[in-house]
Amino acid sequence: MSTKATFYHAGCPVCVAAERTVAEALDRSKYNVEIVHLGQQKGRVAEAEKAGVKSVPALVINGQPFHINHGADLSVLK
Protein backbone atom coordinates (compact mmCIF):
# COMPACT_ATOMS: atom_id res chain seq x y z
CA MET A 1 0.00 0.00 0.00
CA SER A 2 1.37 3.40 -0.92
CA THR A 3 1.23 6.60 1.11
CA LYS A 4 -0.76 9.50 -0.29
CA ALA A 5 1.26 12.61 -1.06
CA THR A 6 -0.31 15.78 -2.47
CA PHE A 7 1.85 18.40 -4.14
CA TYR A 8 0.20 21.83 -4.31
CA HIS A 9 1.52 24.52 -6.60
CA ALA A 10 0.46 27.60 -8.54
CA GLY A 11 2.31 27.12 -11.82
CA CYS A 12 5.02 29.72 -11.16
CA PRO A 13 8.63 28.91 -12.16
CA VAL A 14 9.58 28.06 -8.55
CA CYS A 15 6.59 25.69 -8.33
CA VAL A 16 7.28 24.00 -11.67
CA ALA A 17 10.92 23.39 -10.73
CA ALA A 18 9.83 21.95 -7.36
CA GLU A 19 7.24 19.74 -9.08
CA ARG A 20 9.92 18.24 -11.33
CA THR A 21 12.18 17.59 -8.35
CA VAL A 22 9.39 16.01 -6.30
CA ALA A 23 8.23 13.87 -9.22
CA GLU A 24 11.75 12.52 -9.69
CA ALA A 25 12.57 12.13 -5.98
CA LEU A 26 9.55 10.27 -4.62
CA ASP A 27 9.47 6.52 -5.08
CA ARG A 28 6.14 5.93 -6.85
CA SER A 29 5.98 2.40 -5.42
CA LYS A 30 5.83 3.96 -1.94
CA TYR A 31 3.94 7.20 -2.62
CA ASN A 32 0.73 7.85 -4.50
CA VAL A 33 1.46 11.43 -5.63
CA GLU A 34 -1.30 13.80 -6.70
CA ILE A 35 -0.28 17.09 -8.32
CA VAL A 36 -2.72 19.95 -7.69
CA HIS A 37 -2.27 23.17 -9.69
CA LEU A 38 -4.16 25.67 -7.53
CA GLY A 39 -4.04 28.31 -10.26
CA GLN A 40 -6.21 26.01 -12.38
CA GLN A 41 -8.09 24.27 -9.55
CA LYS A 42 -9.09 27.20 -7.34
CA GLY A 43 -11.81 25.09 -5.75
CA ARG A 44 -9.09 23.14 -3.94
CA VAL A 45 -7.49 26.15 -2.18
CA ALA A 46 -9.64 25.54 0.92
CA GLU A 47 -8.48 21.91 0.96
CA ALA A 48 -4.85 23.04 0.88
CA GLU A 49 -5.50 25.52 3.70
CA LYS A 50 -7.16 22.82 5.79
CA ALA A 51 -4.07 20.64 5.24
CA GLY A 52 -1.90 23.43 6.71
CA VAL A 53 -0.47 24.79 3.48
CA LYS A 54 0.53 28.46 3.87
CA SER A 55 2.42 28.96 0.61
CA VAL A 56 3.17 27.02 -2.53
CA PRO A 57 4.91 24.92 -3.58
CA ALA A 58 4.11 22.55 -0.75
CA LEU A 59 3.97 18.81 -0.34
CA VAL A 60 1.55 17.19 2.11
CA ILE A 61 2.37 13.65 3.24
CA ASN A 62 0.27 11.89 5.89
CA GLY A 63 -1.35 15.19 6.83
CA GLN A 64 2.00 16.95 7.38
CA PRO A 65 2.67 19.96 5.12
CA PHE A 66 6.22 20.56 3.89
CA HIS A 67 6.82 24.01 2.39
CA ILE A 68 9.46 23.64 -0.29
CA ASN A 69 10.29 27.20 -1.26
CA HIS A 70 8.28 30.38 -1.49
CA GLY A 71 6.54 30.85 -4.79
CA ALA A 72 3.26 32.41 -3.62
CA ASP A 73 1.21 32.80 -0.46
CA LEU A 74 -1.95 30.76 -0.53
CA SER A 75 -3.95 33.95 0.15
CA VAL A 76 -3.19 35.31 -3.35
CA LEU A 77 -4.74 32.23 -4.95
CA LYS A 78 -8.19 32.82 -3.45
PDB file of N, CA and C in Angstrom:
ATOM      1  N   MET A   1       0.856  -1.189   0.000  1.00  0.00           N
ATOM      2  CA  MET A   1       0.000   0.000   0.000  1.00  0.00           C
ATOM      3  C   MET A   1       0.889   1.234   0.000  1.00  0.00           C
ATOM      4  N   SER A   2       0.551   2.195  -0.836  1.00  0.00           N
ATOM      5  CA  SER A   2       1.370   3.404  -0.921  1.00  0.00           C
ATOM      6  C   SER A   2       0.760   4.533  -0.093  1.00  0.00           C
ATOM      7  N   THR A   3       1.617   5.437   0.321  1.00  0.00           N
ATOM      8  CA  THR A   3       1.235   6.597   1.111  1.00  0.00           C
ATOM      9  C   THR A   3       0.802   7.721   0.181  1.00  0.00           C
ATOM     10  N   LYS A   4      -0.289   8.386   0.529  1.00  0.00           N
ATOM     11  CA  LYS A   4      -0.764   9.505  -0.293  1.00  0.00           C
ATOM     12  C   LYS A   4       0.101  10.727  -0.039  1.00  0.00           C
ATOM     13  N   ALA A   5       0.508  11.368  -1.122  1.00  0.00           N
ATOM     14  CA  ALA A   5       1.262  12.614  -1.065  1.00  0.00           C
ATOM     15  C   ALA A   5       0.602  13.578  -2.045  1.00  0.00           C
ATOM     16  N   THR A   6       0.312  14.789  -1.594  1.00  0.00           N
ATOM     17  CA  THR A   6      -0.309  15.784  -2.465  1.00  0.00           C
ATOM     18  C   THR A   6       0.642  16.956  -2.603  1.00  0.00           C
ATOM     19  N   PHE A   7       0.974  17.284  -3.845  1.00  0.00           N
ATOM     20  CA  PHE A   7       1.853  18.400  -4.144  1.00  0.00           C
ATOM     21  C   PHE A   7       0.999  19.547  -4.668  1.00  0.00           C
ATOM     22  N   TYR A   8       0.971  20.648  -3.915  1.00  0.00           N
ATOM     23  CA  TYR A   8       0.197  21.829  -4.310  1.00  0.00           C
ATOM     24  C   TYR A   8       1.139  22.866  -4.897  1.00  0.00           C
ATOM     25  N   HIS A   9       0.724  23.455  -6.012  1.00  0.00           N
ATOM     26  CA  HIS A   9       1.520  24.524  -6.597  1.00  0.00           C
ATOM     27  C   HIS A   9       0.632  25.477  -7.382  1.00  0.00           C
ATOM     28  N   ALA A  10       1.233  26.575  -7.835  1.00  0.00           N
ATOM     29  CA  ALA A  10       0.462  27.603  -8.542  1.00  0.00           C
ATOM     30  C   ALA A  10       0.919  27.802  -9.979  1.00  0.00           C
ATOM     31  N   GLY A  11       1.868  27.008 -10.437  1.00  0.00           N
ATOM     32  CA  GLY A  11       2.314  27.119 -11.820  1.00  0.00           C
ATOM     33  C   GLY A  11       3.446  28.099 -12.050  1.00  0.00           C
ATOM     34  N   CYS A  12       3.918  28.763 -11.006  1.00  0.00           N
ATOM     35  CA  CYS A  12       5.023  29.721 -11.163  1.00  0.00           C
ATOM     36  C   CYS A  12       6.322  28.949 -11.413  1.00  0.00           C
ATOM     37  N   PRO A  13       7.380  29.615 -11.885  1.00  0.00           N
ATOM     38  CA  PRO A  13       8.633  28.915 -12.159  1.00  0.00           C
ATOM     39  C   PRO A  13       9.199  28.155 -10.949  1.00  0.00           C
ATOM     40  N   VAL A  14       9.105  28.742  -9.757  1.00  0.00           N
ATOM     41  CA  VAL A  14       9.577  28.057  -8.546  1.00  0.00           C
ATOM     42  C   VAL A  14       8.776  26.770  -8.343  1.00  0.00           C
ATOM     43  N   CYS A  15       7.465  26.855  -8.530  1.00  0.00           N
ATOM     44  CA  CYS A  15       6.590  25.694  -8.334  1.00  0.00           C
ATOM     45  C   CYS A  15       6.869  24.596  -9.356  1.00  0.00           C
ATOM     46  N   VAL A  16       7.045  24.974 -10.603  1.00  0.00           N
ATOM     47  CA  VAL A  16       7.284  24.000 -11.670  1.00  0.00           C
ATOM     48  C   VAL A  16       8.607  23.276 -11.435  1.00  0.00           C
ATOM     49  N   ALA A  17       9.628  24.012 -11.028  1.00  0.00           N
ATOM     50  CA  ALA A  17      10.919  23.386 -10.726  1.00  0.00           C
ATOM     51  C   ALA A  17      10.784  22.418  -9.552  1.00  0.00           C
ATOM     52  N   ALA A  18      10.040  22.815  -8.527  1.00  0.00           N
ATOM     53  CA  ALA A  18       9.828  21.945  -7.365  1.00  0.00           C
ATOM     54  C   ALA A  18       9.028  20.706  -7.768  1.00  0.00           C
ATOM     55  N   GLU A  19       8.047  20.882  -8.623  1.00  0.00           N
ATOM     56  CA  GLU A  19       7.243  19.738  -9.078  1.00  0.00           C
ATOM     57  C   GLU A  19       8.134  18.715  -9.773  1.00  0.00           C
ATOM     58  N   ARG A  20       9.016  19.167 -10.642  1.00  0.00           N
ATOM     59  CA  ARG A  20       9.920  18.242 -11.334  1.00  0.00           C
ATOM     60  C   ARG A  20      10.796  17.494 -10.339  1.00  0.00           C
ATOM     61  N   THR A  21      11.316  18.212  -9.358  1.00  0.00           N
ATOM     62  CA  THR A  21      12.179  17.591  -8.352  1.00  0.00           C
ATOM     63  C   THR A  21      11.418  16.560  -7.533  1.00  0.00           C
ATOM     64  N   VAL A  22      10.216  16.920  -7.099  1.00  0.00           N
ATOM     65  CA  VAL A  22       9.394  16.006  -6.302  1.00  0.00           C
ATOM     66  C   VAL A  22       9.029  14.776  -7.127  1.00  0.00           C
ATOM     67  N   ALA A  23       8.633  14.981  -8.365  1.00  0.00           N
ATOM     68  CA  ALA A  23       8.230  13.870  -9.224  1.00  0.00           C
ATOM     69  C   ALA A  23       9.377  12.882  -9.419  1.00  0.00           C
ATOM     70  N   GLU A  24      10.591  13.391  -9.500  1.00  0.00           N
ATOM     71  CA  GLU A  24      11.746  12.518  -9.689  1.00  0.00           C
ATOM     72  C   GLU A  24      12.200  11.874  -8.377  1.00  0.00           C
ATOM     73  N   ALA A  25      12.016  12.580  -7.256  1.00  0.00           N
ATOM     74  CA  ALA A  25      12.569  12.130  -5.984  1.00  0.00           C
ATOM     75  C   ALA A  25      11.718  11.085  -5.262  1.00  0.00           C
ATOM     76  N   LEU A  26      10.405  11.185  -5.373  1.00  0.00           N
ATOM     77  CA  LEU A  26       9.546  10.268  -4.623  1.00  0.00           C
ATOM     78  C   LEU A  26       9.416   8.929  -5.331  1.00  0.00           C
ATOM     79  N   ASP A  27       9.604   7.879  -4.576  1.00  0.00           N
ATOM     80  CA  ASP A  27       9.471   6.521  -5.079  1.00  0.00           C
ATOM     81  C   ASP A  27       7.984   6.229  -5.283  1.00  0.00           C
ATOM     82  N   ARG A  28       7.564   6.111  -6.530  1.00  0.00           N
ATOM     83  CA  ARG A  28       6.144   5.927  -6.850  1.00  0.00           C
ATOM     84  C   ARG A  28       5.608   4.586  -6.359  1.00  0.00           C
ATOM     85  N   SER A  29       6.471   3.662  -5.999  1.00  0.00           N
ATOM     86  CA  SER A  29       5.975   2.405  -5.422  1.00  0.00           C
ATOM     87  C   SER A  29       5.612   2.592  -3.951  1.00  0.00           C
ATOM     88  N   LYS A  30       6.105   3.673  -3.345  1.00  0.00           N
ATOM     89  CA  LYS A  30       5.827   3.955  -1.936  1.00  0.00           C
ATOM     90  C   LYS A  30       4.844   5.115  -1.749  1.00  0.00           C
ATOM     91  N   TYR A  31       4.783   6.011  -2.730  1.00  0.00           N
ATOM     92  CA  TYR A  31       3.941   7.205  -2.623  1.00  0.00           C
ATOM     93  C   TYR A  31       2.996   7.317  -3.806  1.00  0.00           C
ATOM     94  N   ASN A  32       1.735   7.550  -3.494  1.00  0.00           N
ATOM     95  CA  ASN A  32       0.731   7.854  -4.503  1.00  0.00           C
ATOM     96  C   ASN A  32       0.660   9.379  -4.566  1.00  0.00           C
ATOM     97  N   VAL A  33       1.316   9.974  -5.564  1.00  0.00           N
ATOM     98  CA  VAL A  33       1.457  11.428  -5.634  1.00  0.00           C
ATOM     99  C   VAL A  33       0.371  12.037  -6.511  1.00  0.00           C
ATOM    100  N   GLU A  34      -0.324  13.021  -5.942  1.00  0.00           N
ATOM    101  CA  GLU A  34      -1.302  13.798  -6.697  1.00  0.00           C
ATOM    102  C   GLU A  34      -0.747  15.210  -6.835  1.00  0.00           C
ATOM    103  N   ILE A  35      -0.733  15.727  -8.054  1.00  0.00           N
ATOM    104  CA  ILE A  35      -0.280  17.088  -8.321  1.00  0.00           C
ATOM    105  C   ILE A  35      -1.518  17.966  -8.456  1.00  0.00           C
ATOM    106  N   VAL A  36      -1.571  19.042  -7.657  1.00  0.00           N
ATOM    107  CA  VAL A  36      -2.719  19.951  -7.691  1.00  0.00           C
ATOM    108  C   VAL A  36      -2.222  21.346  -8.043  1.00  0.00           C
ATOM    109  N   HIS A  37      -2.618  21.815  -9.217  1.00  0.00           N
ATOM    110  CA  HIS A  37      -2.272  23.165  -9.693  1.00  0.00           C
ATOM    111  C   HIS A  37      -3.385  24.096  -9.215  1.00  0.00           C
ATOM    112  N   LEU A  38      -3.118  24.824  -8.136  1.00  0.00           N
ATOM    113  CA  LEU A  38      -4.156  25.673  -7.529  1.00  0.00           C
ATOM    114  C   LEU A  38      -4.538  26.867  -8.398  1.00  0.00           C
ATOM    115  N   GLY A  39      -3.678  27.246  -9.321  1.00  0.00           N
ATOM    116  CA  GLY A  39      -4.036  28.310 -10.257  1.00  0.00           C
ATOM    117  C   GLY A  39      -5.145  27.865 -11.202  1.00  0.00           C
ATOM    118  N   GLN A  40      -5.189  26.573 -11.488  1.00  0.00           N
ATOM    119  CA  GLN A  40      -6.208  26.007 -12.377  1.00  0.00           C
ATOM    120  C   GLN A  40      -7.342  25.338 -11.614  1.00  0.00           C
ATOM    121  N   GLN A  41      -7.096  24.967 -10.351  1.00  0.00           N
ATOM    122  CA  GLN A  41      -8.095  24.271  -9.545  1.00  0.00           C
ATOM    123  C   GLN A  41      -8.377  25.082  -8.277  1.00  0.00           C
ATOM    124  N   LYS A  42      -8.865  26.290  -8.463  1.00  0.00           N
ATOM    125  CA  LYS A  42      -9.089  27.202  -7.336  1.00  0.00           C
ATOM    126  C   LYS A  42     -10.037  26.627  -6.285  1.00  0.00           C
ATOM    127  N   GLY A  43     -10.894  25.723  -6.677  1.00  0.00           N
ATOM    128  CA  GLY A  43     -11.814  25.093  -5.748  1.00  0.00           C
ATOM    129  C   GLY A  43     -11.113  24.235  -4.701  1.00  0.00           C
ATOM    130  N   ARG A  44      -9.822  23.983  -4.884  1.00  0.00           N
ATOM    131  CA  ARG A  44      -9.088  23.140  -3.938  1.00  0.00           C
ATOM    132  C   ARG A  44      -8.198  23.952  -2.992  1.00  0.00           C
ATOM    133  N   VAL A  45      -8.272  25.288  -3.078  1.00  0.00           N
ATOM    134  CA  VAL A  45      -7.487  26.150  -2.182  1.00  0.00           C
ATOM    135  C   VAL A  45      -7.882  25.903  -0.727  1.00  0.00           C
ATOM    136  N   ALA A  46      -9.171  25.790  -0.453  1.00  0.00           N
ATOM    137  CA  ALA A  46      -9.639  25.544   0.918  1.00  0.00           C
ATOM    138  C   ALA A  46      -9.102  24.215   1.441  1.00  0.00           C
ATOM    139  N   GLU A  47      -9.044  23.216   0.593  1.00  0.00           N
ATOM    140  CA  GLU A  47      -8.485  21.910   0.960  1.00  0.00           C
ATOM    141  C   GLU A  47      -7.012  22.048   1.360  1.00  0.00           C
ATOM    142  N   ALA A  48      -6.267  22.817   0.581  1.00  0.00           N
ATOM    143  CA  ALA A  48      -4.848  23.043   0.878  1.00  0.00           C
ATOM    144  C   ALA A  48      -4.696  23.774   2.214  1.00  0.00           C
ATOM    145  N   GLU A  49      -5.536  24.787   2.429  1.00  0.00           N
ATOM    146  CA  GLU A  49      -5.505  25.522   3.701  1.00  0.00           C
ATOM    147  C   GLU A  49      -5.779  24.593   4.875  1.00  0.00           C
ATOM    148  N   LYS A  50      -6.782  23.754   4.729  1.00  0.00           N
ATOM    149  CA  LYS A  50      -7.157  22.818   5.794  1.00  0.00           C
ATOM    150  C   LYS A  50      -6.012  21.846   6.091  1.00  0.00           C
ATOM    151  N   ALA A  51      -5.213  21.543   5.077  1.00  0.00           N
ATOM    152  CA  ALA A  51      -4.070  20.642   5.243  1.00  0.00           C
ATOM    153  C   ALA A  51      -2.868  21.349   5.866  1.00  0.00           C
ATOM    154  N   GLY A  52      -2.985  22.678   6.076  1.00  0.00           N
ATOM    155  CA  GLY A  52      -1.905  23.431   6.710  1.00  0.00           C
ATOM    156  C   GLY A  52      -0.968  24.132   5.753  1.00  0.00           C
ATOM    157  N   VAL A  53      -1.307  24.125   4.476  1.00  0.00           N
ATOM    158  CA  VAL A  53      -0.470  24.794   3.480  1.00  0.00           C
ATOM    159  C   VAL A  53      -0.619  26.308   3.625  1.00  0.00           C
ATOM    160  N   LYS A  54       0.508  26.994   3.735  1.00  0.00           N
ATOM    161  CA  LYS A  54       0.525  28.457   3.870  1.00  0.00           C
ATOM    162  C   LYS A  54       1.010  29.132   2.590  1.00  0.00           C
ATOM    163  N   SER A  55       1.893  28.445   1.872  1.00  0.00           N
ATOM    164  CA  SER A  55       2.422  28.959   0.615  1.00  0.00           C
ATOM    165  C   SER A  55       2.731  27.771  -0.288  1.00  0.00           C
ATOM    166  N   VAL A  56       2.841  28.060  -1.558  1.00  0.00           N
ATOM    167  CA  VAL A  56       3.170  27.021  -2.531  1.00  0.00           C
ATOM    168  C   VAL A  56       4.515  27.348  -3.159  1.00  0.00           C
ATOM    169  N   PRO A  57       5.250  26.332  -3.551  1.00  0.00           N
ATOM    170  CA  PRO A  57       4.911  24.921  -3.583  1.00  0.00           C
ATOM    171  C   PRO A  57       4.979  24.288  -2.203  1.00  0.00           C
ATOM    172  N   ALA A  58       4.130  23.289  -2.009  1.00  0.00           N
ATOM    173  CA  ALA A  58       4.110  22.549  -0.755  1.00  0.00           C
ATOM    174  C   ALA A  58       3.713  21.108  -1.031  1.00  0.00           C
ATOM    175  N   LEU A  59       4.265  20.220  -0.237  1.00  0.00           N
ATOM    176  CA  LEU A  59       3.970  18.808  -0.343  1.00  0.00           C
ATOM    177  C   LEU A  59       3.348  18.371   0.978  1.00  0.00           C
ATOM    178  N   VAL A  60       2.216  17.686   0.906  1.00  0.00           N
ATOM    179  CA  VAL A  60       1.550  17.190   2.110  1.00  0.00           C
ATOM    180  C   VAL A  60       1.615  15.664   2.082  1.00  0.00           C
ATOM    181  N   ILE A  61       2.257  15.106   3.113  1.00  0.00           N
ATOM    182  CA  ILE A  61       2.374  13.654   3.239  1.00  0.00           C
ATOM    183  C   ILE A  61       1.835  13.266   4.614  1.00  0.00           C
ATOM    184  N   ASN A  62       0.882  12.348   4.622  1.00  0.00           N
ATOM    185  CA  ASN A  62       0.274  11.893   5.885  1.00  0.00           C
ATOM    186  C   ASN A  62      -0.222  13.056   6.738  1.00  0.00           C
ATOM    187  N   GLY A  63      -0.800  14.054   6.111  1.00  0.00           N
ATOM    188  CA  GLY A  63      -1.350  15.192   6.834  1.00  0.00           C
ATOM    189  C   GLY A  63      -0.330  16.215   7.295  1.00  0.00           C
ATOM    190  N   GLN A  64       0.941  16.026   6.977  1.00  0.00           N
ATOM    191  CA  GLN A  64       2.001  16.946   7.384  1.00  0.00           C
ATOM    192  C   GLN A  64       2.440  17.786   6.186  1.00  0.00           C
ATOM    193  N   PRO A  65       2.242  19.123   6.238  1.00  0.00           N
ATOM    194  CA  PRO A  65       2.672  19.965   5.123  1.00  0.00           C
ATOM    195  C   PRO A  65       4.174  20.262   5.184  1.00  0.00           C
ATOM    196  N   PHE A  66       4.805  20.207   4.036  1.00  0.00           N
ATOM    197  CA  PHE A  66       6.217  20.563   3.886  1.00  0.00           C
ATOM    198  C   PHE A  66       6.293  21.680   2.855  1.00  0.00           C
ATOM    199  N   HIS A  67       6.702  22.859   3.286  1.00  0.00           N
ATOM    200  CA  HIS A  67       6.817  24.007   2.391  1.00  0.00           C
ATOM    201  C   HIS A  67       8.200  23.971   1.753  1.00  0.00           C
ATOM    202  N   ILE A  68       8.230  23.921   0.440  1.00  0.00           N
ATOM    203  CA  ILE A  68       9.457  23.640  -0.286  1.00  0.00           C
ATOM    204  C   ILE A  68      10.262  24.888  -0.625  1.00  0.00           C
ATOM    205  N   ASN A  69       9.643  25.947  -0.924  1.00  0.00           N
ATOM    206  CA  ASN A  69      10.288  27.202  -1.256  1.00  0.00           C
ATOM    207  C   ASN A  69       9.202  28.239  -1.059  1.00  0.00           C
ATOM    208  N   HIS A  70       9.370  29.402  -1.601  1.00  0.00           N
ATOM    209  CA  HIS A  70       8.283  30.379  -1.487  1.00  0.00           C
ATOM    210  C   HIS A  70       7.980  30.937  -2.868  1.00  0.00           C
ATOM    211  N   GLY A  71       6.968  30.364  -3.498  1.00  0.00           N
ATOM    212  CA  GLY A  71       6.536  30.846  -4.789  1.00  0.00           C
ATOM    213  C   GLY A  71       5.404  31.844  -4.657  1.00  0.00           C
ATOM    214  N   ALA A  72       4.412  31.521  -3.822  1.00  0.00           N
ATOM    215  CA  ALA A  72       3.261  32.406  -3.619  1.00  0.00           C
ATOM    216  C   ALA A  72       2.544  32.037  -2.324  1.00  0.00           C
ATOM    217  N   ASP A  73       2.056  33.044  -1.631  1.00  0.00           N
ATOM    218  CA  ASP A  73       1.208  32.803  -0.456  1.00  0.00           C
ATOM    219  C   ASP A  73      -0.120  32.245  -0.943  1.00  0.00           C
ATOM    220  N   LEU A  74      -0.682  31.359  -0.168  1.00  0.00           N
ATOM    221  CA  LEU A  74      -1.954  30.762  -0.529  1.00  0.00           C
ATOM    222  C   LEU A  74      -3.047  31.830  -0.636  1.00  0.00           C
ATOM    223  N   SER A  75      -2.934  32.891   0.149  1.00  0.00           N
ATOM    224  CA  SER A  75      -3.948  33.950   0.150  1.00  0.00           C
ATOM    225  C   SER A  75      -4.114  34.611  -1.221  1.00  0.00           C
ATOM    226  N   VAL A  76      -3.068  34.673  -2.030  1.00  0.00           N
ATOM    227  CA  VAL A  76      -3.195  35.309  -3.350  1.00  0.00           C
ATOM    228  C   VAL A  76      -3.881  34.415  -4.362  1.00  0.00           C
ATOM    229  N   LEU A  77      -4.084  33.163  -4.019  1.00  0.00           N
ATOM    230  CA  LEU A  77      -4.739  32.229  -4.949  1.00  0.00           C
ATOM    231  C   LEU A  77      -6.249  32.164  -4.746  1.00  0.00           C
ATOM    232  N   LYS A  78      -6.745  32.838  -3.718  1.00  0.00           N
ATOM    233  CA  LYS A  78      -8.189  32.815  -3.454  1.00  0.00           C
ATOM    234  C   LYS A  78      -8.945  33.652  -4.446  1.00  0.00           C
TER     235      LYS A  78
END
